[in-house]
Amino acid sequence: MKTLLAYIKDESGQTSTEYILLVAVVAMIVFKFKSQAQEKLGNITNTVFGKAQTMADGIETN
């Protein structure tokens, strides 16, 4: 009986449970905003590479 009560009162496992819940919340947030972030990052990438291509084309013609 003492072993069972000691097991129930032991709080050392709560930290891992809290980390798992935190990771789950972060994962839900990432999945919720995945498409928006993907679209914005795609636009930024396209803009940067488009400007780099324009610069490279300007260098080649000179």
PDB file of N, CA and C in Angstrom:
ATOM      1  N   MET A   1       0.825  -1.191   0.000  1.00  0.00           N
ATOM      2  CA  MET A   1       0.000   0.000   0.000  1.00  0.00           C
ATOM      3  C   MET A   1       0.875   1.263   0.000  1.00  0.00           C
ATOM      4  N   LYS A   2       1.961   1.243   0.778  1.00  0.00           N
ATOM      5  CA  LYS A   2       2.856   2.395   0.826  1.00  0.00           C
ATOM      6  C   LYS A   2       3.486   2.651  -0.540  1.00  0.00           C
ATOM      7  N   THR A   3       3.794   1.568  -1.235  1.00  0.00           N
ATOM      8  CA  THR A   3       4.397   1.710  -2.564  1.00  0.00           C
ATOM      9  C   THR A   3       3.416   2.359  -3.528  1.00  0.00           C
ATOM     10  N   LEU A   4       2.157   1.965  -3.466  1.00  0.00           N
ATOM     11  CA  LEU A   4       1.138   2.546  -4.329  1.00  0.00           C
ATOM     12  C   LEU A   4       0.943   4.032  -4.025  1.00  0.00           C
ATOM     13  N   LEU A   5       0.887   4.398  -2.761  1.00  0.00           N
ATOM     14  CA  LEU A   5       0.734   5.807  -2.390  1.00  0.00           C
ATOM     15  C   LEU A   5       1.955   6.620  -2.818  1.00  0.00           C
ATOM     16  N   ALA A   6       3.139   6.042  -2.664  1.00  0.00           N
ATOM     17  CA  ALA A   6       4.355   6.740  -3.092  1.00  0.00           C
ATOM     18  C   ALA A   6       4.341   6.948  -4.600  1.00  0.00           C
ATOM     19  N   TYR A   7       3.843   5.945  -5.342  1.00  0.00           N
ATOM     20  CA  TYR A   7       3.763   6.056  -6.799  1.00  0.00           C
ATOM     21  C   TYR A   7       2.782   7.156  -7.208  1.00  0.00           C
ATOM     22  N   ILE A   8       1.666   7.231  -6.536  1.00  0.00           N
ATOM     23  CA  ILE A   8       0.644   8.231  -6.854  1.00  0.00           C
ATOM     24  C   ILE A   8       1.144   9.640  -6.522  1.00  0.00           C
ATOM     25  N   LYS A   9       1.879   9.797  -5.432  1.00  0.00           N
ATOM     26  CA  LYS A   9       2.372  11.111  -5.022  1.00  0.00           C
ATOM     27  C   LYS A   9       3.613  11.545  -5.798  1.00  0.00           C
ATOM     28  N   ASP A  10       4.242  10.624  -6.505  1.00  0.00           N
ATOM     29  CA  ASP A  10       5.449  10.947  -7.255  1.00  0.00           C
ATOM     30  C   ASP A  10       5.101  11.863  -8.424  1.00  0.00           C
ATOM     31  N   GLU A  11       5.738  13.035  -8.489  1.00  0.00           N
ATOM     32  CA  GLU A  11       5.452  14.017  -9.531  1.00  0.00           C
ATOM     33  C   GLU A  11       6.565  14.125 -10.560  1.00  0.00           C
ATOM     34  N   SER A  12       7.514  13.234 -10.561  1.00  0.00           N
ATOM     35  CA  SER A  12       8.646  13.346 -11.479  1.00  0.00           C
ATOM     36  C   SER A  12       8.237  13.121 -12.932  1.00  0.00           C
ATOM     37  N   GLY A  13       7.198  12.381 -13.188  1.00  0.00           N
ATOM     38  CA  GLY A  13       6.748  12.133 -14.548  1.00  0.00           C
ATOM     39  C   GLY A  13       5.963  13.275 -15.158  1.00  0.00           C
ATOM     40  N   GLN A  14       5.575  14.236 -14.364  1.00  0.00           N
ATOM     41  CA  GLN A  14       4.770  15.327 -14.883  1.00  0.00           C
ATOM     42  C   GLN A  14       5.546  16.214 -15.842  1.00  0.00           C
ATOM     43  N   THR A  15       6.820  16.341 -15.659  1.00  0.00           N
ATOM     44  CA  THR A  15       7.576  17.216 -16.546  1.00  0.00           C
ATOM     45  C   THR A  15       7.566  16.678 -17.972  1.00  0.00           C
ATOM     46  N   SER A  16       7.716  15.373 -18.132  1.00  0.00           N
ATOM     47  CA  SER A  16       7.683  14.812 -19.489  1.00  0.00           C
ATOM     48  C   SER A  16       6.296  14.962 -20.097  1.00  0.00           C
ATOM     49  N   THR A  17       5.266  14.811 -19.292  1.00  0.00           N
ATOM     50  CA  THR A  17       3.901  14.995 -19.788  1.00  0.00           C
ATOM     51  C   THR A  17       3.681  16.441 -20.227  1.00  0.00           C
ATOM     52  N   GLU A  18       4.203  17.368 -19.472  1.00  0.00           N
ATOM     53  CA  GLU A  18       4.053  18.775 -19.837  1.00  0.00           C
ATOM     54  C   GLU A  18       4.777  19.079 -21.139  1.00  0.00           C
ATOM     55  N   TYR A  19       5.968  18.508 -21.321  1.00  0.00           N
ATOM     56  CA  TYR A  19       6.692  18.722 -22.569  1.00  0.00           C
ATOM     57  C   TYR A  19       5.947  18.117 -23.759  1.00  0.00           C
ATOM     58  N   ILE A  20       5.349  16.960 -23.566  1.00  0.00           N
ATOM     59  CA  ILE A  20       4.587  16.324 -24.642  1.00  0.00           C
ATOM     60  C   ILE A  20       3.390  17.196 -25.019  1.00  0.00           C
ATOM     61  N   LEU A  21       2.697  17.739 -24.026  1.00  0.00           N
ATOM     62  CA  LEU A  21       1.560  18.614 -24.304  1.00  0.00           C
ATOM     63  C   LEU A  21       2.007  19.893 -25.008  1.00  0.00           C
ATOM     64  N   LEU A  22       3.135  20.436 -24.605  1.00  0.00           N
ATOM     65  CA  LEU A  22       3.665  21.633 -25.243  1.00  0.00           C
ATOM     66  C   LEU A  22       4.007  21.361 -26.698  1.00  0.00           C
ATOM     67  N   VAL A  23       4.641  20.236 -26.972  1.00  0.00           N
ATOM     68  CA  VAL A  23       4.982  19.869 -28.352  1.00  0.00           C
ATOM     69  C   VAL A  23       3.711  19.669 -29.172  1.00  0.00           C
ATOM     70  N   ALA A  24       2.692  19.073 -28.574  1.00  0.00           N
ATOM     71  CA  ALA A  24       1.424  18.869 -29.279  1.00  0.00           C
ATOM     72  C   ALA A  24       0.775  20.199 -29.639  1.00  0.00           C
ATOM     73  N   VAL A  25       0.812  21.172 -28.732  1.00  0.00           N
ATOM     74  CA  VAL A  25       0.226  22.486 -29.016  1.00  0.00           C
ATOM     75  C   VAL A  25       1.001  23.190 -30.128  1.00  0.00           C
ATOM     76  N   VAL A  26       2.322  23.131 -30.063  1.00  0.00           N
ATOM     77  CA  VAL A  26       3.141  23.754 -31.108  1.00  0.00           C
ATOM     78  C   VAL A  26       2.870  23.086 -32.455  1.00  0.00           C
ATOM     79  N   ALA A  27       2.754  21.769 -32.472  1.00  0.00           N
ATOM     80  CA  ALA A  27       2.474  21.049 -33.721  1.00  0.00           C
ATOM     81  C   ALA A  27       1.117  21.470 -34.291  1.00  0.00           C
ATOM     82  N   MET A  28       0.122  21.631 -33.440  1.00  0.00           N
ATOM     83  CA  MET A  28      -1.196  22.063 -33.924  1.00  0.00           C
ATOM     84  C   MET A  28      -1.121  23.463 -34.524  1.00  0.00           C
ATOM     85  N   ILE A  29      -0.360  24.347 -33.895  1.00  0.00           N
ATOM     86  CA  ILE A  29      -0.210  25.706 -34.421  1.00  0.00           C
ATOM     87  C   ILE A  29       0.500  25.677 -35.771  1.00  0.00           C
ATOM     88  N   VAL A  30       1.543  24.864 -35.875  1.00  0.00           N
ATOM     89  CA  VAL A  30       2.283  24.760 -37.140  1.00  0.00           C
ATOM     90  C   VAL A  30       1.369  24.240 -38.244  1.00  0.00           C
ATOM     91  N   PHE A  31       0.600  23.202 -37.968  1.00  0.00           N
ATOM     92  CA  PHE A  31      -0.295  22.654 -38.990  1.00  0.00           C
ATOM     93  C   PHE A  31      -1.407  23.635 -39.348  1.00  0.00           C
ATOM     94  N   LYS A  32      -1.859  24.434 -38.382  1.00  0.00           N
ATOM     95  CA  LYS A  32      -2.922  25.402 -38.654  1.00  0.00           C
ATOM     96  C   LYS A  32      -2.457  26.475 -39.630  1.00  0.00           C
ATOM     97  N   PHE A  33      -1.228  26.962 -39.453  1.00  0.00           N
ATOM     98  CA  PHE A  33      -0.730  28.057 -40.272  1.00  0.00           C
ATOM     99  C   PHE A  33       0.247  27.609 -41.347  1.00  0.00           C
ATOM    100  N   LYS A  34       0.303  26.318 -41.617  1.00  0.00           N
ATOM    101  CA  LYS A  34       1.251  25.775 -42.589  1.00  0.00           C
ATOM    102  C   LYS A  34       1.030  26.361 -43.979  1.00  0.00           C
ATOM    103  N   SER A  35      -0.197  26.386 -44.457  1.00  0.00           N
ATOM    104  CA  SER A  35      -0.456  26.853 -45.819  1.00  0.00           C
ATOM    105  C   SER A  35      -0.160  28.345 -45.964  1.00  0.00           C
ATOM    106  N   GLN A  36      -0.495  29.134 -44.956  1.00  0.00           N
ATOM    107  CA  GLN A  36      -0.219  30.565 -45.015  1.00  0.00           C
ATOM    108  C   GLN A  36       1.279  30.827 -45.024  1.00  0.00           C
ATOM    109  N   ALA A  37       2.001  30.132 -44.159  1.00  0.00           N
ATOM    110  CA  ALA A  37       3.452  30.317 -44.101  1.00  0.00           C
ATOM    111  C   ALA A  37       4.107  29.829 -45.386  1.00  0.00           C
ATOM    112  N   GLN A  38       3.620  28.722 -45.915  1.00  0.00           N
ATOM    113  CA  GLN A  38       4.181  28.179 -47.152  1.00  0.00           C
ATOM    114  C   GLN A  38       3.978  29.163 -48.307  1.00  0.00           C
ATOM    115  N   GLU A  39       2.803  29.768 -48.370  1.00  0.00           N
ATOM    116  CA  GLU A  39       2.514  30.740 -49.432  1.00  0.00           C
ATOM    117  C   GLU A  39       3.411  31.972 -49.304  1.00  0.00           C
ATOM    118  N   LYS A  40       3.533  32.507 -48.104  1.00  0.00           N
ATOM    119  CA  LYS A  40       4.345  33.712 -47.905  1.00  0.00           C
ATOM    120  C   LYS A  40       5.815  33.441 -48.156  1.00  0.00           C
ATOM    121  N   LEU A  41       6.319  32.303 -47.669  1.00  0.00           N
ATOM    122  CA  LEU A  41       7.723  31.972 -47.907  1.00  0.00           C
ATOM    123  C   LEU A  41       7.976  31.702 -49.389  1.00  0.00           C
ATOM    124  N   GLY A  42       7.006  31.111 -50.074  1.00  0.00           N
ATOM    125  CA  GLY A  42       7.129  30.900 -51.513  1.00  0.00           C
ATOM    126  C   GLY A  42       7.203  32.214 -52.264  1.00  0.00           C
ATOM    127  N   ASN A  43       6.371  33.170 -51.856  1.00  0.00           N
ATOM    128  CA  ASN A  43       6.401  34.491 -52.492  1.00  0.00           C
ATOM    129  C   ASN A  43       7.737  35.189 -52.267  1.00  0.00           C
ATOM    130  N   ILE A  44       8.247  35.115 -51.057  1.00  0.00           N
ATOM    131  CA  ILE A  44       9.542  35.733 -50.757  1.00  0.00           C
ATOM    132  C   ILE A  44      10.642  35.082 -51.585  1.00  0.00           C
ATOM    133  N   THR A  45      10.640  33.759 -51.645  1.00  0.00           N
ATOM    134  CA  THR A  45      11.659  33.034 -52.413  1.00  0.00           C
ATOM    135  C   THR A  45      11.580  33.395 -53.889  1.00  0.00           C
ATOM    136  N   ASN A  46      10.382  33.421 -54.427  1.00  0.00           N
ATOM    137  CA  ASN A  46      10.219  33.773 -55.840  1.00  0.00           C
ATOM    138  C   ASN A  46      10.690  35.194 -56.121  1.00  0.00           C
ATOM    139  N   THR A  47      10.394  36.111 -55.216  1.00  0.00           N
ATOM    140  CA  THR A  47      10.834  37.497 -55.389  1.00  0.00           C
ATOM    141  C   THR A  47      12.355  37.589 -55.376  1.00  0.00           C
ATOM    142  N   VAL A  48      12.983  36.943 -54.418  1.00  0.00           N
ATOM    143  CA  VAL A  48      14.444  36.997 -54.303  1.00  0.00           C
ATOM    144  C   VAL A  48      15.102  36.390 -55.540  1.00  0.00           C
ATOM    145  N   PHE A  49      14.649  35.209 -55.941  1.00  0.00           N
ATOM    146  CA  PHE A  49      15.256  34.568 -57.104  1.00  0.00           C
ATOM    147  C   PHE A  49      14.927  35.300 -58.397  1.00  0.00           C
ATOM    148  N   GLY A  50      13.761  35.929 -58.459  1.00  0.00           N
ATOM    149  CA  GLY A  50      13.421  36.729 -59.632  1.00  0.00           C
ATOM    150  C   GLY A  50      14.338  37.931 -59.762  1.00  0.00           C
ATOM    151  N   LYS A  51      14.609  38.599 -58.651  1.00  0.00           N
ATOM    152  CA  LYS A  51      15.518  39.746 -58.679  1.00  0.00           C
ATOM    153  C   LYS A  51      16.942  39.294 -58.988  1.00  0.00           C
ATOM    154  N   ALA A  52      17.344  38.154 -58.446  1.00  0.00           N
ATOM    155  CA  ALA A  52      18.684  37.639 -58.738  1.00  0.00           C
ATOM    156  C   ALA A  52      18.807  37.301 -60.218  1.00  0.00           C
ATOM    157  N   GLN A  53      17.752  36.739 -60.796  1.00  0.00           N
ATOM    158  CA  GLN A  53      17.782  36.417 -62.223  1.00  0.00           C
ATOM    159  C   GLN A  53      17.858  37.684 -63.067  1.00  0.00           C
ATOM    160  N   THR A  54      17.106  38.715 -62.673  1.00  0.00           N
ATOM    161  CA  THR A  54      17.151  39.997 -63.383  1.00  0.00           C
ATOM    162  C   THR A  54      18.551  40.596 -63.325  1.00  0.00           C
ATOM    163  N   MET A  55      19.175  40.532 -62.163  1.00  0.00           N
ATOM    164  CA  MET A  55      20.539  41.036 -62.016  1.00  0.00           C
ATOM    165  C   MET A  55      21.512  40.231 -62.886  1.00  0.00           C
ATOM    166  N   ALA A  56      21.346  38.915 -62.889  1.00  0.00           N
ATOM    167  CA  ALA A  56      22.229  38.067 -63.689  1.00  0.00           C
ATOM    168  C   ALA A  56      22.024  38.337 -65.186  1.00  0.00           C
ATOM    169  N   ASP A  57      20.801  38.565 -65.609  1.00  0.00           N
ATOM    170  CA  ASP A  57      20.525  38.882 -67.004  1.00  0.00           C
ATOM    171  C   ASP A  57      21.154  40.228 -67.374  1.00  0.00           C
ATOM    172  N   GLY A  58      21.115  41.196 -66.452  1.00  0.00           N
ATOM    173  CA  GLY A  58      21.717  42.492 -66.696  1.00  0.00           C
ATOM    174  C   GLY A  58      23.219  42.404 -66.820  1.00  0.00           C
ATOM    175  N   ILE A  59      23.833  41.525 -66.058  1.00  0.00           N
ATOM    176  CA  ILE A  59      25.296  41.344 -66.129  1.00  0.00           C
ATOM    177  C   ILE A  59      25.678  40.686 -67.440  1.00  0.00           C
ATOM    178  N   GLU A  60      24.884  39.728 -67.886  1.00  0.00           N
ATOM    179  CA  GLU A  60      25.194  39.001 -69.115  1.00  0.00           C
ATOM    180  C   GLU A  60      25.095  39.896 -70.361  1.00  0.00           C
ATOM    181  N   THR A  61      24.161  40.857 -70.345  1.00  0.00           N
ATOM    182  CA  THR A  61      23.958  41.698 -71.519  1.00  0.00           C
ATOM    183  C   THR A  61      25.000  42.814 -71.628  1.00  0.00           C
ATOM    184  N   ASN A  62      25.689  43.105 -70.552  1.00  0.00           N
ATOM    185  CA  ASN A  62      26.687  44.183 -70.556  1.00  0.00           C
ATOM    186  C   ASN A  62      27.988  43.724 -71.098  1.00  0.00           C
TER     187      ASN A  62
END
